[in-house]
């Protein structure tokens, strides 16, 4: 339970922090309040939608050595950013992939700290 809450918080915080501190050149902050809403929506999407998509793509993902999951995560980020107006501007899909990698690193670190790694 504790690990799930931490993963949710990490997922919700990465985009607002990257946009606010200008950590990535391709992610530009427009409105901080909307960006926080975007982070929460993305965290809910990661919690609810991501497992279903991963289950559907499990066989194909084996052939791509796990890279398909990162592409799906980048797609989820771009989809959420387009749905929340005046939150962030993500220049292109490569920046969304970079955010997805950063989110996955944070989630993996939480799993390592809490002992939930597989």
PDB file of N, CA and C in Angstrom:
ATOM      1  N   UNK A   1       0.820  -1.191   0.000  1.00  0.00           N
ATOM      2  CA  UNK A   1       0.000   0.000   0.000  1.00  0.00           C
ATOM      3  C   UNK A   1       0.864   1.256   0.000  1.00  0.00           C
ATOM      4  N   UNK A   2       1.893   1.248   0.859  1.00  0.00           N
ATOM      5  CA  UNK A   2       2.796   2.389   0.967  1.00  0.00           C
ATOM      6  C   UNK A   2       3.530   2.626  -0.357  1.00  0.00           C
ATOM      7  N   UNK A   3       3.976   1.547  -0.992  1.00  0.00           N
ATOM      8  CA  UNK A   3       4.679   1.678  -2.268  1.00  0.00           C
ATOM      9  C   UNK A   3       3.750   2.220  -3.352  1.00  0.00           C
ATOM     10  N   UNK A   4       2.503   1.791  -3.349  1.00  0.00           N
ATOM     11  CA  UNK A   4       1.537   2.275  -4.335  1.00  0.00           C
ATOM     12  C   UNK A   4       1.279   3.765  -4.199  1.00  0.00           C
ATOM     13  N   UNK A   5       1.180   4.228  -2.965  1.00  0.00           N
ATOM     14  CA  UNK A   5       0.964   5.661  -2.729  1.00  0.00           C
ATOM     15  C   UNK A   5       2.179   6.453  -3.177  1.00  0.00           C
ATOM     16  N   UNK A   6       3.380   5.953  -2.872  1.00  0.00           N
ATOM     17  CA  UNK A   6       4.598   6.650  -3.300  1.00  0.00           C
ATOM     18  C   UNK A   6       4.734   6.677  -4.818  1.00  0.00           C
ATOM     19  N   UNK A   7       4.405   5.566  -5.491  1.00  0.00           N
ATOM     20  CA  UNK A   7       4.453   5.547  -6.961  1.00  0.00           C
ATOM     21  C   UNK A   7       3.461   6.545  -7.543  1.00  0.00           C
ATOM     22  N   UNK A   8       2.272   6.630  -6.951  1.00  0.00           N
ATOM     23  CA  UNK A   8       1.267   7.593  -7.396  1.00  0.00           C
ATOM     24  C   UNK A   8       1.803   9.017  -7.242  1.00  0.00           C
ATOM     25  N   UNK A   9       2.402   9.323  -6.093  1.00  0.00           N
ATOM     26  CA  UNK A   9       2.931  10.669  -5.846  1.00  0.00           C
ATOM     27  C   UNK A   9       4.098  11.008  -6.776  1.00  0.00           C
ATOM     28  N   UNK A  10       4.972  10.049  -7.019  1.00  0.00           N
ATOM     29  CA  UNK A  10       6.091  10.276  -7.952  1.00  0.00           C
ATOM     30  C   UNK A  10       5.558  10.572  -9.341  1.00  0.00           C
ATOM     31  N   UNK A  11       4.597   9.781  -9.790  1.00  0.00           N
ATOM     32  CA  UNK A  11       4.025   9.988 -11.121  1.00  0.00           C
ATOM     33  C   UNK A  11       3.343  11.345 -11.221  1.00  0.00           C
ATOM     34  N   UNK A  12       2.650  11.736 -10.166  1.00  0.00           N
ATOM     35  CA  UNK A  12       1.947  13.024 -10.189  1.00  0.00           C
ATOM     36  C   UNK A  12       2.904  14.199 -10.110  1.00  0.00           C
ATOM     37  N   UNK A  13       4.095  14.016  -9.536  1.00  0.00           N
ATOM     38  CA  UNK A  13       4.999  15.142  -9.298  1.00  0.00           C
ATOM     39  C   UNK A  13       6.028  15.375 -10.392  1.00  0.00           C
ATOM     40  N   UNK A  14       6.312  14.393 -11.223  1.00  0.00           N
ATOM     41  CA  UNK A  14       7.418  14.528 -12.181  1.00  0.00           C
ATOM     42  C   UNK A  14       7.175  15.647 -13.188  1.00  0.00           C
ATOM     43  N   UNK A  15       6.035  15.690 -13.825  1.00  0.00           N
ATOM     44  CA  UNK A  15       5.799  16.709 -14.853  1.00  0.00           C
ATOM     45  C   UNK A  15       5.757  18.116 -14.259  1.00  0.00           C
ATOM     46  N   UNK A  16       5.036  18.355 -13.157  1.00  0.00           N
ATOM     47  CA  UNK A  16       5.086  19.716 -12.602  1.00  0.00           C
ATOM     48  C   UNK A  16       6.491  20.140 -12.173  1.00  0.00           C
ATOM     49  N   UNK A  17       7.271  19.224 -11.605  1.00  0.00           N
ATOM     50  CA  UNK A  17       8.631  19.582 -11.188  1.00  0.00           C
ATOM     51  C   UNK A  17       9.545  19.843 -12.379  1.00  0.00           C
ATOM     52  N   UNK A  18       9.464  18.996 -13.398  1.00  0.00           N
ATOM     53  CA  UNK A  18      10.288  19.214 -14.601  1.00  0.00           C
ATOM     54  C   UNK A  18       9.922  20.515 -15.296  1.00  0.00           C
ATOM     55  N   UNK A  19       8.640  20.822 -15.338  1.00  0.00           N
ATOM     56  CA  UNK A  19       8.208  22.052 -16.006  1.00  0.00           C
ATOM     57  C   UNK A  19       8.555  23.285 -15.179  1.00  0.00           C
ATOM     58  N   UNK A  20       8.395  23.212 -13.869  1.00  0.00           N
ATOM     59  CA  UNK A  20       8.644  24.372 -13.017  1.00  0.00           C
ATOM     60  C   UNK A  20      10.129  24.723 -12.948  1.00  0.00           C
ATOM     61  N   UNK A  21      10.967  23.721 -12.781  1.00  0.00           N
ATOM     62  CA  UNK A  21      12.401  23.967 -12.650  1.00  0.00           C
ATOM     63  C   UNK A  21      13.128  23.947 -13.987  1.00  0.00           C
ATOM     64  N   UNK A  22      12.402  23.852 -15.087  1.00  0.00           N
ATOM     65  CA  UNK A  22      12.951  23.842 -16.443  1.00  0.00           C
ATOM     66  C   UNK A  22      14.074  22.817 -16.575  1.00  0.00           C
ATOM     67  N   UNK A  23      13.795  21.617 -16.065  1.00  0.00           N
ATOM     68  CA  UNK A  23      14.750  20.517 -16.108  1.00  0.00           C
ATOM     69  C   UNK A  23      14.947  20.004 -17.530  1.00  0.00           C
ATOM     70  N   UNK A  24      13.898  20.068 -18.334  1.00  0.00           N
ATOM     71  CA  UNK A  24      13.956  19.620 -19.723  1.00  0.00           C
ATOM     72  C   UNK A  24      13.562  20.779 -20.626  1.00  0.00           C
ATOM     73  N   UNK A  25      14.331  20.983 -21.665  1.00  0.00           N
ATOM     74  CA  UNK A  25      14.072  22.098 -22.577  1.00  0.00           C
ATOM     75  C   UNK A  25      12.765  21.937 -23.352  1.00  0.00           C
ATOM     76  N   UNK A  26      12.341  20.726 -23.597  1.00  0.00           N
ATOM     77  CA  UNK A  26      11.152  20.492 -24.402  1.00  0.00           C
ATOM     78  C   UNK A  26       9.853  20.501 -23.621  1.00  0.00           C
ATOM     79  N   UNK A  27       9.926  20.742 -22.317  1.00  0.00           N
ATOM     80  CA  UNK A  27       8.724  20.780 -21.477  1.00  0.00           C
ATOM     81  C   UNK A  27       8.628  22.178 -20.892  1.00  0.00           C
ATOM     82  N   UNK A  28       7.614  22.921 -21.327  1.00  0.00           N
ATOM     83  CA  UNK A  28       7.458  24.318 -20.928  1.00  0.00           C
ATOM     84  C   UNK A  28       6.209  24.480 -20.069  1.00  0.00           C
ATOM     85  N   UNK A  29       6.363  25.145 -18.947  1.00  0.00           N
ATOM     86  CA  UNK A  29       5.258  25.391 -18.025  1.00  0.00           C
ATOM     87  C   UNK A  29       4.393  26.529 -18.545  1.00  0.00           C
ATOM     88  N   UNK A  30       3.072  26.324 -18.545  1.00  0.00           N
ATOM     89  CA  UNK A  30       2.128  27.370 -18.909  1.00  0.00           C
ATOM     90  C   UNK A  30       1.403  27.856 -17.663  1.00  0.00           C
ATOM     91  N   UNK A  31       0.801  26.938 -16.921  1.00  0.00           N
ATOM     92  CA  UNK A  31       0.067  27.278 -15.703  1.00  0.00           C
ATOM     93  C   UNK A  31       0.331  26.175 -14.680  1.00  0.00           C
ATOM     94  N   UNK A  32       0.872  26.543 -13.519  1.00  0.00           N
ATOM     95  CA  UNK A  32       1.259  25.548 -12.528  1.00  0.00           C
ATOM     96  C   UNK A  32       0.058  24.785 -11.964  1.00  0.00           C
ATOM     97  N   UNK A  33      -1.049  25.461 -11.720  1.00  0.00           N
ATOM     98  CA  UNK A  33      -2.225  24.763 -11.183  1.00  0.00           C
ATOM     99  C   UNK A  33      -2.732  23.700 -12.151  1.00  0.00           C
ATOM    100  N   UNK A  34      -2.806  24.024 -13.420  1.00  0.00           N
ATOM    101  CA  UNK A  34      -3.240  23.048 -14.419  1.00  0.00           C
ATOM    102  C   UNK A  34      -2.216  21.927 -14.580  1.00  0.00           C
ATOM    103  N   UNK A  35      -0.942  22.249 -14.371  1.00  0.00           N
ATOM    104  CA  UNK A  35       0.088  21.226 -14.468  1.00  0.00           C
ATOM    105  C   UNK A  35      -0.026  20.235 -13.315  1.00  0.00           C
ATOM    106  N   UNK A  36      -0.386  20.709 -12.144  1.00  0.00           N
ATOM    107  CA  UNK A  36      -0.610  19.801 -11.015  1.00  0.00           C
ATOM    108  C   UNK A  36      -1.806  18.903 -11.297  1.00  0.00           C
ATOM    109  N   UNK A  37      -2.861  19.472 -11.878  1.00  0.00           N
ATOM    110  CA  UNK A  37      -4.019  18.662 -12.282  1.00  0.00           C
ATOM    111  C   UNK A  37      -3.596  17.624 -13.318  1.00  0.00           C
ATOM    112  N   UNK A  38      -2.748  18.020 -14.255  1.00  0.00           N
ATOM    113  CA  UNK A  38      -2.225  17.096 -15.262  1.00  0.00           C
ATOM    114  C   UNK A  38      -1.465  15.957 -14.595  1.00  0.00           C
ATOM    115  N   UNK A  39      -0.651  16.266 -13.608  1.00  0.00           N
ATOM    116  CA  UNK A  39       0.097  15.227 -12.900  1.00  0.00           C
ATOM    117  C   UNK A  39      -0.810  14.231 -12.204  1.00  0.00           C
ATOM    118  N   UNK A  40      -1.869  14.725 -11.591  1.00  0.00           N
ATOM    119  CA  UNK A  40      -2.816  13.833 -10.912  1.00  0.00           C
ATOM    120  C   UNK A  40      -3.566  12.972 -11.930  1.00  0.00           C
ATOM    121  N   UNK A  41      -3.980  13.570 -13.042  1.00  0.00           N
ATOM    122  CA  UNK A  41      -4.661  12.805 -14.095  1.00  0.00           C
ATOM    123  C   UNK A  41      -3.730  11.741 -14.660  1.00  0.00           C
ATOM    124  N   UNK A  42      -2.476  12.099 -14.858  1.00  0.00           N
ATOM    125  CA  UNK A  42      -1.505  11.131 -15.361  1.00  0.00           C
ATOM    126  C   UNK A  42      -1.288  10.000 -14.361  1.00  0.00           C
ATOM    127  N   UNK A  43      -1.228  10.323 -13.089  1.00  0.00           N
ATOM    128  CA  UNK A  43      -1.050   9.286 -12.072  1.00  0.00           C
ATOM    129  C   UNK A  43      -2.246   8.337 -12.036  1.00  0.00           C
ATOM    130  N   UNK A  44      -3.449   8.877 -12.188  1.00  0.00           N
ATOM    131  CA  UNK A  44      -4.643   8.026 -12.246  1.00  0.00           C
ATOM    132  C   UNK A  44      -4.598   7.155 -13.501  1.00  0.00           C
ATOM    133  N   UNK A  45      -4.170   7.745 -14.622  1.00  0.00           N
ATOM    134  CA  UNK A  45      -4.038   6.969 -15.856  1.00  0.00           C
ATOM    135  C   UNK A  45      -3.013   5.864 -15.730  1.00  0.00           C
ATOM    136  N   UNK A  46      -1.899   6.159 -15.076  1.00  0.00           N
ATOM    137  CA  UNK A  46      -0.882   5.138 -14.847  1.00  0.00           C
ATOM    138  C   UNK A  46      -1.423   4.033 -13.947  1.00  0.00           C
ATOM    139  N   UNK A  47      -2.263   4.396 -13.000  1.00  0.00           N
ATOM    140  CA  UNK A  47      -2.790   3.411 -12.068  1.00  0.00           C
ATOM    141  C   UNK A  47      -3.879   2.546 -12.702  1.00  0.00           C
ATOM    142  N   UNK A  48      -4.743   3.139 -13.509  1.00  0.00           N
ATOM    143  CA  UNK A  48      -5.886   2.408 -14.056  1.00  0.00           C
ATOM    144  C   UNK A  48      -5.681   1.900 -15.482  1.00  0.00           C
ATOM    145  N   UNK A  49      -5.185   2.748 -16.359  1.00  0.00           N
ATOM    146  CA  UNK A  49      -5.115   2.423 -17.785  1.00  0.00           C
ATOM    147  C   UNK A  49      -3.859   1.635 -18.160  1.00  0.00           C
ATOM    148  N   UNK A  50      -2.757   1.966 -17.550  1.00  0.00           N
ATOM    149  CA  UNK A  50      -1.478   1.361 -17.911  1.00  0.00           C
ATOM    150  C   UNK A  50      -1.459  -0.160 -17.741  1.00  0.00           C
ATOM    151  N   UNK A  51      -1.981  -0.741 -16.649  1.00  0.00           N
ATOM    152  CA  UNK A  51      -1.957  -2.206 -16.544  1.00  0.00           C
ATOM    153  C   UNK A  51      -2.764  -2.904 -17.634  1.00  0.00           C
ATOM    154  N   UNK A  52      -3.871  -2.301 -18.037  1.00  0.00           N
ATOM    155  CA  UNK A  52      -4.697  -2.907 -19.084  1.00  0.00           C
ATOM    156  C   UNK A  52      -3.953  -2.898 -20.418  1.00  0.00           C
ATOM    157  N   UNK A  53      -3.335  -1.771 -20.747  1.00  0.00           N
ATOM    158  CA  UNK A  53      -2.592  -1.668 -22.003  1.00  0.00           C
ATOM    159  C   UNK A  53      -1.394  -2.611 -21.984  1.00  0.00           C
ATOM    160  N   UNK A  54      -0.722  -2.708 -20.849  1.00  0.00           N
ATOM    161  CA  UNK A  54       0.416  -3.617 -20.752  1.00  0.00           C
ATOM    162  C   UNK A  54      -0.007  -5.071 -20.922  1.00  0.00           C
ATOM    163  N   UNK A  55      -1.152  -5.414 -20.391  1.00  0.00           N
ATOM    164  CA  UNK A  55      -1.649  -6.779 -20.545  1.00  0.00           C
ATOM    165  C   UNK A  55      -1.952  -7.082 -22.009  1.00  0.00           C
ATOM    166  N   UNK A  56      -2.557  -6.130 -22.706  1.00  0.00           N
ATOM    167  CA  UNK A  56      -2.883  -6.328 -24.117  1.00  0.00           C
ATOM    168  C   UNK A  56      -1.639  -6.430 -24.995  1.00  0.00           C
ATOM    169  N   UNK A  57      -0.572  -5.741 -24.626  1.00  0.00           N
ATOM    170  CA  UNK A  57       0.628  -5.688 -25.460  1.00  0.00           C
ATOM    171  C   UNK A  57       1.752  -6.598 -24.976  1.00  0.00           C
ATOM    172  N   UNK A  58       1.454  -7.504 -24.070  1.00  0.00           N
ATOM    173  CA  UNK A  58       2.489  -8.321 -23.449  1.00  0.00           C
ATOM    174  C   UNK A  58       3.278  -9.154 -24.462  1.00  0.00           C
ATOM    175  N   UNK A  59       2.615  -9.782 -25.408  1.00  0.00           N
ATOM    176  CA  UNK A  59       3.294 -10.635 -26.386  1.00  0.00           C
ATOM    177  C   UNK A  59       4.161  -9.806 -27.322  1.00  0.00           C
ATOM    178  N   UNK A  60       3.634  -8.678 -27.804  1.00  0.00           N
ATOM    179  CA  UNK A  60       4.397  -7.820 -28.712  1.00  0.00           C
ATOM    180  C   UNK A  60       5.572  -7.188 -27.980  1.00  0.00           C
ATOM    181  N   UNK A  61       5.386  -6.862 -26.702  1.00  0.00           N
ATOM    182  CA  UNK A  61       6.445  -6.244 -25.924  1.00  0.00           C
ATOM    183  C   UNK A  61       7.640  -7.174 -25.771  1.00  0.00           C
ATOM    184  N   UNK A  62       7.411  -8.476 -25.734  1.00  0.00           N
ATOM    185  CA  UNK A  62       8.504  -9.433 -25.638  1.00  0.00           C
ATOM    186  C   UNK A  62       9.456  -9.278 -26.825  1.00  0.00           C
ATOM    187  N   UNK A  63       8.914  -9.013 -27.993  1.00  0.00           N
ATOM    188  CA  UNK A  63       9.735  -8.862 -29.198  1.00  0.00           C
ATOM    189  C   UNK A  63      10.520  -7.550 -29.209  1.00  0.00           C
ATOM    190  N   UNK A  64      10.043  -6.536 -28.501  1.00  0.00           N
ATOM    191  CA  UNK A  64      10.726  -5.233 -28.489  1.00  0.00           C
ATOM    192  C   UNK A  64      11.587  -5.038 -27.246  1.00  0.00           C
ATOM    193  N   UNK A  65      11.726  -6.104 -26.430  1.00  0.00           N
ATOM    194  CA  UNK A  65      12.564  -6.073 -25.225  1.00  0.00           C
ATOM    195  C   UNK A  65      12.138  -5.002 -24.227  1.00  0.00           C
ATOM    196  N   UNK A  66      10.853  -4.733 -24.140  1.00  0.00           N
ATOM    197  CA  UNK A  66      10.327  -3.800 -23.156  1.00  0.00           C
ATOM    198  C   UNK A  66      10.236  -2.361 -23.615  1.00  0.00           C
ATOM    199  N   UNK A  67      10.739  -2.043 -24.789  1.00  0.00           N
ATOM    200  CA  UNK A  67      10.707  -0.660 -25.263  1.00  0.00           C
ATOM    201  C   UNK A  67       9.296  -0.197 -25.612  1.00  0.00           C
ATOM    202  N   UNK A  68       8.432  -1.122 -25.947  1.00  0.00           N
ATOM    203  CA  UNK A  68       7.057  -0.758 -26.283  1.00  0.00           C
ATOM    204  C   UNK A  68       6.345  -0.149 -25.077  1.00  0.00           C
ATOM    205  N   UNK A  69       6.665  -0.624 -23.876  1.00  0.00           N
ATOM    206  CA  UNK A  69       6.048  -0.064 -22.676  1.00  0.00           C
ATOM    207  C   UNK A  69       6.410   1.409 -22.496  1.00  0.00           C
ATOM    208  N   UNK A  70       7.637   1.767 -22.794  1.00  0.00           N
ATOM    209  CA  UNK A  70       8.060   3.170 -22.675  1.00  0.00           C
ATOM    210  C   UNK A  70       7.339   4.017 -23.707  1.00  0.00           C
ATOM    211  N   UNK A  71       7.146   3.491 -24.908  1.00  0.00           N
ATOM    212  CA  UNK A  71       6.414   4.216 -25.945  1.00  0.00           C
ATOM    213  C   UNK A  71       4.965   4.426 -25.515  1.00  0.00           C
ATOM    214  N   UNK A  72       4.354   3.411 -24.919  1.00  0.00           N
ATOM    215  CA  UNK A  72       2.978   3.540 -24.424  1.00  0.00           C
ATOM    216  C   UNK A  72       2.918   4.589 -23.317  1.00  0.00           C
ATOM    217  N   UNK A  73       3.913   4.606 -22.430  1.00  0.00           N
ATOM    218  CA  UNK A  73       3.946   5.609 -21.371  1.00  0.00           C
ATOM    219  C   UNK A  73       4.093   7.018 -21.946  1.00  0.00           C
ATOM    220  N   UNK A  74       4.925   7.183 -22.963  1.00  0.00           N
ATOM    221  CA  UNK A  74       5.061   8.476 -23.634  1.00  0.00           C
ATOM    222  C   UNK A  74       3.764   8.906 -24.285  1.00  0.00           C
ATOM    223  N   UNK A  75       3.065   7.945 -24.872  1.00  0.00           N
ATOM    224  CA  UNK A  75       1.758   8.235 -25.474  1.00  0.00           C
ATOM    225  C   UNK A  75       0.762   8.686 -24.411  1.00  0.00           C
ATOM    226  N   UNK A  76       0.763   8.020 -23.244  1.00  0.00           N
ATOM    227  CA  UNK A  76      -0.130   8.419 -22.154  1.00  0.00           C
ATOM    228  C   UNK A  76       0.176   9.841 -21.688  1.00  0.00           C
ATOM    229  N   UNK A  77       1.445  10.204 -21.634  1.00  0.00           N
ATOM    230  CA  UNK A  77       1.833  11.552 -21.218  1.00  0.00           C
ATOM    231  C   UNK A  77       1.346  12.576 -22.226  1.00  0.00           C
ATOM    232  N   UNK A  78       1.568  12.315 -23.505  1.00  0.00           N
ATOM    233  CA  UNK A  78       1.100  13.260 -24.526  1.00  0.00           C
ATOM    234  C   UNK A  78      -0.419  13.367 -24.534  1.00  0.00           C
ATOM    235  N   UNK A  79      -1.107  12.260 -24.364  1.00  0.00           N
ATOM    236  CA  UNK A  79      -2.560  12.271 -24.341  1.00  0.00           C
ATOM    237  C   UNK A  79      -3.079  13.099 -23.164  1.00  0.00           C
ATOM    238  N   UNK A  80      -2.498  12.907 -22.001  1.00  0.00           N
ATOM    239  CA  UNK A  80      -2.927  13.668 -20.821  1.00  0.00           C
ATOM    240  C   UNK A  80      -2.604  15.150 -20.987  1.00  0.00           C
ATOM    241  N   UNK A  81      -1.441  15.475 -21.561  1.00  0.00           N
ATOM    242  CA  UNK A  81      -1.061  16.880 -21.739  1.00  0.00           C
ATOM    243  C   UNK A  81      -1.978  17.587 -22.735  1.00  0.00           C
ATOM    244  N   UNK A  82      -2.455  16.866 -23.727  1.00  0.00           N
ATOM    245  CA  UNK A  82      -3.373  17.472 -24.686  1.00  0.00           C
ATOM    246  C   UNK A  82      -4.764  17.689 -24.095  1.00  0.00           C
ATOM    247  N   UNK A  83      -5.138  16.859 -23.147  1.00  0.00           N
ATOM    248  CA  UNK A  83      -6.472  16.953 -22.557  1.00  0.00           C
ATOM    249  C   UNK A  83      -6.597  18.072 -21.534  1.00  0.00           C
ATOM    250  N   UNK A  84      -5.499  18.449 -20.887  1.00  0.00           N
ATOM    251  CA  UNK A  84      -5.539  19.510 -19.874  1.00  0.00           C
ATOM    252  C   UNK A  84      -5.002  20.779 -20.529  1.00  0.00           C
ATOM    253  N   UNK A  85      -5.887  21.715 -20.795  1.00  0.00           N
ATOM    254  CA  UNK A  85      -5.498  22.958 -21.451  1.00  0.00           C
ATOM    255  C   UNK A  85      -4.645  23.817 -20.523  1.00  0.00           C
ATOM    256  N   UNK A  86      -3.733  24.575 -21.123  1.00  0.00           N
ATOM    257  CA  UNK A  86      -2.889  25.530 -20.403  1.00  0.00           C
ATOM    258  C   UNK A  86      -2.127  24.901 -19.246  1.00  0.00           C
ATOM    259  N   UNK A  87      -1.578  23.713 -19.457  1.00  0.00           N
ATOM    260  CA  UNK A  87      -0.796  23.088 -18.401  1.00  0.00           C
ATOM    261  C   UNK A  87       0.685  23.118 -18.777  1.00  0.00           C
ATOM    262  N   UNK A  88       1.086  22.296 -19.699  1.00  0.00           N
ATOM    263  CA  UNK A  88       2.459  22.285 -20.190  1.00  0.00           C
ATOM    264  C   UNK A  88       2.438  22.165 -21.705  1.00  0.00           C
ATOM    265  N   UNK A  89       3.537  22.567 -22.288  1.00  0.00           N
ATOM    266  CA  UNK A  89       3.743  22.369 -23.720  1.00  0.00           C
ATOM    267  C   UNK A  89       4.883  21.375 -23.859  1.00  0.00           C
ATOM    268  N   UNK A  90       4.582  20.231 -24.442  1.00  0.00           N
ATOM    269  CA  UNK A  90       5.603  19.221 -24.718  1.00  0.00           C
ATOM    270  C   UNK A  90       5.908  19.331 -26.196  1.00  0.00           C
ATOM    271  N   UNK A  91       7.152  19.691 -26.527  1.00  0.00           N
ATOM    272  CA  UNK A  91       7.506  20.008 -27.918  1.00  0.00           C
ATOM    273  C   UNK A  91       7.227  18.873 -28.890  1.00  0.00           C
ATOM    274  N   UNK A  92       7.631  17.645 -28.535  1.00  0.00           N
ATOM    275  CA  UNK A  92       7.411  16.524 -29.439  1.00  0.00           C
ATOM    276  C   UNK A  92       7.361  15.224 -28.642  1.00  0.00           C
ATOM    277  N   UNK A  93       7.209  14.137 -29.365  1.00  0.00           N
ATOM    278  CA  UNK A  93       7.062  12.837 -28.722  1.00  0.00           C
ATOM    279  C   UNK A  93       8.325  12.412 -27.994  1.00  0.00           C
ATOM    280  N   UNK A  94       9.490  12.841 -28.456  1.00  0.00           N
ATOM    281  CA  UNK A  94      10.750  12.462 -27.806  1.00  0.00           C
ATOM    282  C   UNK A  94      10.835  13.027 -26.390  1.00  0.00           C
ATOM    283  N   UNK A  95      10.319  14.226 -26.187  1.00  0.00           N
ATOM    284  CA  UNK A  95      10.297  14.800 -24.841  1.00  0.00           C
ATOM    285  C   UNK A  95       9.298  14.060 -23.960  1.00  0.00           C
ATOM    286  N   UNK A  96       8.207  13.606 -24.543  1.00  0.00           N
ATOM    287  CA  UNK A  96       7.258  12.790 -23.785  1.00  0.00           C
ATOM    288  C   UNK A  96       7.904  11.463 -23.383  1.00  0.00           C
ATOM    289  N   UNK A  97       8.701  10.896 -24.284  1.00  0.00           N
ATOM    290  CA  UNK A  97       9.437   9.673 -23.943  1.00  0.00           C
ATOM    291  C   UNK A  97      10.444   9.922 -22.828  1.00  0.00           C
ATOM    292  N   UNK A  98      11.105  11.071 -22.865  1.00  0.00           N
ATOM    293  CA  UNK A  98      12.055  11.409 -21.797  1.00  0.00           C
ATOM    294  C   UNK A  98      11.335  11.526 -20.453  1.00  0.00           C
ATOM    295  N   UNK A  99      10.164  12.150 -20.448  1.00  0.00           N
ATOM    296  CA  UNK A  99       9.371  12.229 -19.222  1.00  0.00           C
ATOM    297  C   UNK A  99       8.944  10.842 -18.762  1.00  0.00           C
ATOM    298  N   UNK A 100       8.561   9.991 -19.703  1.00  0.00           N
ATOM    299  CA  UNK A 100       8.158   8.626 -19.354  1.00  0.00           C
ATOM    300  C   UNK A 100       9.321   7.866 -18.725  1.00  0.00           C
ATOM    301  N   UNK A 101      10.507   8.029 -19.282  1.00  0.00           N
ATOM    302  CA  UNK A 101      11.678   7.378 -18.697  1.00  0.00           C
ATOM    303  C   UNK A 101      11.950   7.892 -17.291  1.00  0.00           C
ATOM    304  N   UNK A 102      11.818   9.182 -17.094  1.00  0.00           N
ATOM    305  CA  UNK A 102      12.038   9.771 -15.774  1.00  0.00           C
ATOM    306  C   UNK A 102      11.002   9.268 -14.762  1.00  0.00           C
ATOM    307  N   UNK A 103       9.760   9.180 -15.186  1.00  0.00           N
ATOM    308  CA  UNK A 103       8.713   8.646 -14.311  1.00  0.00           C
ATOM    309  C   UNK A 103       9.005   7.188 -13.966  1.00  0.00           C
ATOM    310  N   UNK A 104       9.403   6.409 -14.957  1.00  0.00           N
ATOM    311  CA  UNK A 104       9.681   4.995 -14.703  1.00  0.00           C
ATOM    312  C   UNK A 104      10.890   4.803 -13.797  1.00  0.00           C
ATOM    313  N   UNK A 105      11.888   5.663 -13.921  1.00  0.00           N
ATOM    314  CA  UNK A 105      13.039   5.593 -13.012  1.00  0.00           C
ATOM    315  C   UNK A 105      12.590   5.889 -11.588  1.00  0.00           C
ATOM    316  N   UNK A 106      11.774   6.910 -11.416  1.00  0.00           N
ATOM    317  CA  UNK A 106      11.265   7.232 -10.088  1.00  0.00           C
ATOM    318  C   UNK A 106      10.435   6.110  -9.499  1.00  0.00           C
ATOM    319  N   UNK A 107       9.585   5.513 -10.304  1.00  0.00           N
ATOM    320  CA  UNK A 107       8.754   4.409  -9.826  1.00  0.00           C
ATOM    321  C   UNK A 107       9.605   3.191  -9.487  1.00  0.00           C
ATOM    322  N   UNK A 108      10.645   2.943 -10.263  1.00  0.00           N
ATOM    323  CA  UNK A 108      11.543   1.826  -9.976  1.00  0.00           C
ATOM    324  C   UNK A 108      12.315   2.068  -8.690  1.00  0.00           C
ATOM    325  N   UNK A 109      12.756   3.295  -8.462  1.00  0.00           N
ATOM    326  CA  UNK A 109      13.456   3.611  -7.218  1.00  0.00           C
ATOM    327  C   UNK A 109      12.547   3.405  -6.009  1.00  0.00           C
ATOM    328  N   UNK A 110      11.285   3.786  -6.133  1.00  0.00           N
ATOM    329  CA  UNK A 110      10.333   3.551  -5.044  1.00  0.00           C
ATOM    330  C   UNK A 110      10.200   2.052  -4.791  1.00  0.00           C
ATOM    331  N   UNK A 111      10.116   1.265  -5.856  1.00  0.00           N
ATOM    332  CA  UNK A 111      10.007  -0.182  -5.702  1.00  0.00           C
ATOM    333  C   UNK A 111      11.256  -0.769  -5.042  1.00  0.00           C
ATOM    334  N   UNK A 112      12.421  -0.245  -5.406  1.00  0.00           N
ATOM    335  CA  UNK A 112      13.658  -0.739  -4.803  1.00  0.00           C
ATOM    336  C   UNK A 112      13.728  -0.383  -3.316  1.00  0.00           C
ATOM    337  N   UNK A 113      13.337   0.816  -2.965  1.00  0.00           N
ATOM    338  CA  UNK A 113      13.402   1.258  -1.564  1.00  0.00           C
ATOM    339  C   UNK A 113      12.407   0.475  -0.703  1.00  0.00           C
ATOM    340  N   UNK A 114      11.214   0.229  -1.236  1.00  0.00           N
ATOM    341  CA  UNK A 114      10.190  -0.455  -0.453  1.00  0.00           C
ATOM    342  C   UNK A 114      10.279  -1.973  -0.564  1.00  0.00           C
ATOM    343  N   UNK A 115      11.170  -2.478  -1.402  1.00  0.00           N
ATOM    344  CA  UNK A 115      11.333  -3.924  -1.527  1.00  0.00           C
ATOM    345  C   UNK A 115      10.299  -4.608  -2.382  1.00  0.00           C
ATOM    346  N   UNK A 116       9.679  -3.863  -3.296  1.00  0.00           N
ATOM    347  CA  UNK A 116       8.623  -4.421  -4.140  1.00  0.00           C
ATOM    348  C   UNK A 116       9.117  -4.815  -5.522  1.00  0.00           C
ATOM    349  N   UNK A 117      10.434  -4.851  -5.764  1.00  0.00           N
ATOM    350  CA  UNK A 117      10.929  -5.217  -7.089  1.00  0.00           C
ATOM    351  C   UNK A 117      10.693  -6.690  -7.332  1.00  0.00           C
ATOM    352  N   UNK A 118      10.484  -7.011  -8.603  1.00  0.00           N
ATOM    353  CA  UNK A 118      10.166  -8.411  -8.968  1.00  0.00           C
ATOM    354  C   UNK A 118      11.422  -9.146  -9.336  1.00  0.00           C
TER     355      UNK A 118
END
